Amino acid sequence: MNDNMKKEIQSSAFERLLEHLKERKDVQNLDLMNLAGFCRNCLSKWYREEADKKGITISDPEAREHVYGMPYTEWKDKYQK
């Protein structure tokens, strides 16, 4: 497997993880943090940091919206317990 194929597969797996988390709104960030050591906010920060390494500026709210599938404040109001 070449590097481009590996990156495509990793990208697809990441997008599947995001879709899974968007479907599992019942799973709170605290649950994720306690069990896995990361949460949706961690994913959004990693996403923003990786974009920054490529010279692409993404704000925290934009990165969170990509991960949450909606503005973070909206997700908090609807789903955070």
C-alpha atoms as a PDB file:
ATOM      1  CA  MET A   1       0.000   0.000   0.000  1.00  0.00           C
ATOM      2  CA  ASN A   2       1.416   3.384  -0.947  1.00  0.00           C
ATOM      3  CA  ASP A   3       1.274   6.482   1.282  1.00  0.00           C
ATOM      4  CA  ASN A   4      -1.567   8.118  -0.670  1.00  0.00           C
ATOM      5  CA  MET A   5      -3.775   5.039  -0.347  1.00  0.00           C
ATOM      6  CA  LYS A   6      -2.966   4.800   3.367  1.00  0.00           C
ATOM      7  CA  LYS A   7      -3.960   8.460   3.854  1.00  0.00           C
ATOM      8  CA  GLU A   8      -7.196   7.961   1.904  1.00  0.00           C
ATOM      9  CA  ILE A   9      -8.103   4.980   4.075  1.00  0.00           C
ATOM     10  CA  GLN A  10      -7.241   6.856   7.259  1.00  0.00           C
ATOM     11  CA  SER A  11      -9.321   9.819   6.102  1.00  0.00           C
ATOM     12  CA  SER A  12     -12.295   7.563   5.376  1.00  0.00           C
ATOM     13  CA  ALA A  13     -11.953   5.893   8.767  1.00  0.00           C
ATOM     14  CA  PHE A  14     -11.867   9.302  10.462  1.00  0.00           C
ATOM     15  CA  GLU A  15     -15.015  10.381   8.618  1.00  0.00           C
ATOM     16  CA  ARG A  16     -16.727   7.135   9.710  1.00  0.00           C
ATOM     17  CA  LEU A  17     -15.736   7.860  13.308  1.00  0.00           C
ATOM     18  CA  LEU A  18     -17.250  11.332  13.021  1.00  0.00           C
ATOM     19  CA  GLU A  19     -20.477   9.917  11.550  1.00  0.00           C
ATOM     20  CA  HIS A  20     -20.635   7.334  14.317  1.00  0.00           C
ATOM     21  CA  LEU A  21     -20.224  10.024  16.988  1.00  0.00           C
ATOM     22  CA  LYS A  22     -22.852  12.188  15.283  1.00  0.00           C
ATOM     23  CA  GLU A  23     -25.290   9.266  15.481  1.00  0.00           C
ATOM     24  CA  ARG A  24     -24.393   8.531  19.120  1.00  0.00           C
ATOM     25  CA  LYS A  25     -25.385  11.842  20.642  1.00  0.00           C
ATOM     26  CA  ASP A  26     -26.285   9.915  23.803  1.00  0.00           C
ATOM     27  CA  VAL A  27     -22.583   9.348  24.440  1.00  0.00           C
ATOM     28  CA  GLN A  28     -21.330  12.359  26.342  1.00  0.00           C
ATOM     29  CA  ASN A  29     -17.855  13.825  25.948  1.00  0.00           C
ATOM     30  CA  LEU A  30     -17.156  13.002  29.578  1.00  0.00           C
ATOM     31  CA  ASP A  31     -17.962   9.343  28.871  1.00  0.00           C
ATOM     32  CA  LEU A  32     -15.543   9.332  25.949  1.00  0.00           C
ATOM     33  CA  MET A  33     -12.841  11.065  27.976  1.00  0.00           C
ATOM     34  CA  ASN A  34     -13.194   8.638  30.887  1.00  0.00           C
ATOM     35  CA  LEU A  35     -13.155   5.542  28.680  1.00  0.00           C
ATOM     36  CA  ALA A  36     -10.894   6.498  25.798  1.00  0.00           C
ATOM     37  CA  GLY A  37      -8.880   9.501  26.924  1.00  0.00           C
ATOM     38  CA  PHE A  38     -10.257  11.764  24.170  1.00  0.00           C
ATOM     39  CA  CYS A  39     -13.559  13.368  23.221  1.00  0.00           C
ATOM     40  CA  ARG A  40     -15.190  15.275  20.380  1.00  0.00           C
ATOM     41  CA  ASN A  41     -13.442  18.467  21.465  1.00  0.00           C
ATOM     42  CA  CYS A  42     -10.074  16.692  21.304  1.00  0.00           C
ATOM     43  CA  LEU A  43     -10.882  15.532  17.765  1.00  0.00           C
ATOM     44  CA  SER A  44     -11.772  19.078  16.725  1.00  0.00           C
ATOM     45  CA  LYS A  45      -8.508  20.427  18.178  1.00  0.00           C
ATOM     46  CA  TRP A  46      -6.493  17.724  16.403  1.00  0.00           C
ATOM     47  CA  TYR A  47      -8.324  18.531  13.161  1.00  0.00           C
ATOM     48  CA  ARG A  48      -7.532  22.255  13.542  1.00  0.00           C
ATOM     49  CA  GLU A  49      -3.893  21.559  14.451  1.00  0.00           C
ATOM     50  CA  GLU A  50      -3.383  19.273  11.430  1.00  0.00           C
ATOM     51  CA  ALA A  51      -4.909  21.904   9.134  1.00  0.00           C
ATOM     52  CA  ASP A  52      -2.563  24.493  10.643  1.00  0.00           C
ATOM     53  CA  LYS A  53       0.424  22.256   9.811  1.00  0.00           C
ATOM     54  CA  LYS A  54      -0.714  22.424   6.174  1.00  0.00           C
ATOM     55  CA  GLY A  55      -0.988  26.221   6.304  1.00  0.00           C
ATOM     56  CA  ILE A  56      -4.788  26.152   6.487  1.00  0.00           C
ATOM     57  CA  THR A  57      -6.432  28.285   9.149  1.00  0.00           C
ATOM     58  CA  ILE A  58      -9.531  26.802  10.731  1.00  0.00           C
ATOM     59  CA  SER A  59     -11.079  28.419  13.783  1.00  0.00           C
ATOM     60  CA  ASP A  60     -12.031  26.392  16.837  1.00  0.00           C
ATOM     61  CA  PRO A  61     -15.759  26.902  16.122  1.00  0.00           C
ATOM     62  CA  GLU A  62     -15.289  25.739  12.501  1.00  0.00           C
ATOM     63  CA  ALA A  63     -13.358  22.654  13.605  1.00  0.00           C
ATOM     64  CA  ARG A  64     -15.967  21.815  16.223  1.00  0.00           C
ATOM     65  CA  GLU A  65     -18.768  22.204  13.686  1.00  0.00           C
ATOM     66  CA  HIS A  66     -16.969  19.721  11.419  1.00  0.00           C
ATOM     67  CA  VAL A  67     -16.747  17.204  14.263  1.00  0.00           C
ATOM     68  CA  TYR A  68     -20.181  17.796  15.808  1.00  0.00           C
ATOM     69  CA  GLY A  69     -22.056  18.263  12.525  1.00  0.00           C
ATOM     70  CA  MET A  70     -23.568  21.504  13.830  1.00  0.00           C
ATOM     71  CA  PRO A  71     -22.404  24.532  15.794  1.00  0.00           C
ATOM     72  CA  TYR A  72     -21.037  23.431  19.156  1.00  0.00           C
ATOM     73  CA  THR A  73     -23.389  25.700  21.120  1.00  0.00           C
ATOM     74  CA  GLU A  74     -26.367  24.106  19.364  1.00  0.00           C
ATOM     75  CA  TRP A  75     -25.072  20.576  20.140  1.00  0.00           C
ATOM     76  CA  LYS A  76     -24.507  21.540  23.793  1.00  0.00           C
ATOM     77  CA  ASP A  77     -28.035  22.924  24.135  1.00  0.00           C
ATOM     78  CA  LYS A  78     -29.629  19.866  22.511  1.00  0.00           C
ATOM     79  CA  TYR A  79     -27.532  16.945  23.727  1.00  0.00           C
ATOM     80  CA  GLN A  80     -25.195  17.765  26.614  1.00  0.00           C
ATOM     81  CA  LYS A  81     -26.448  16.449  29.929  1.00  0.00           C
END
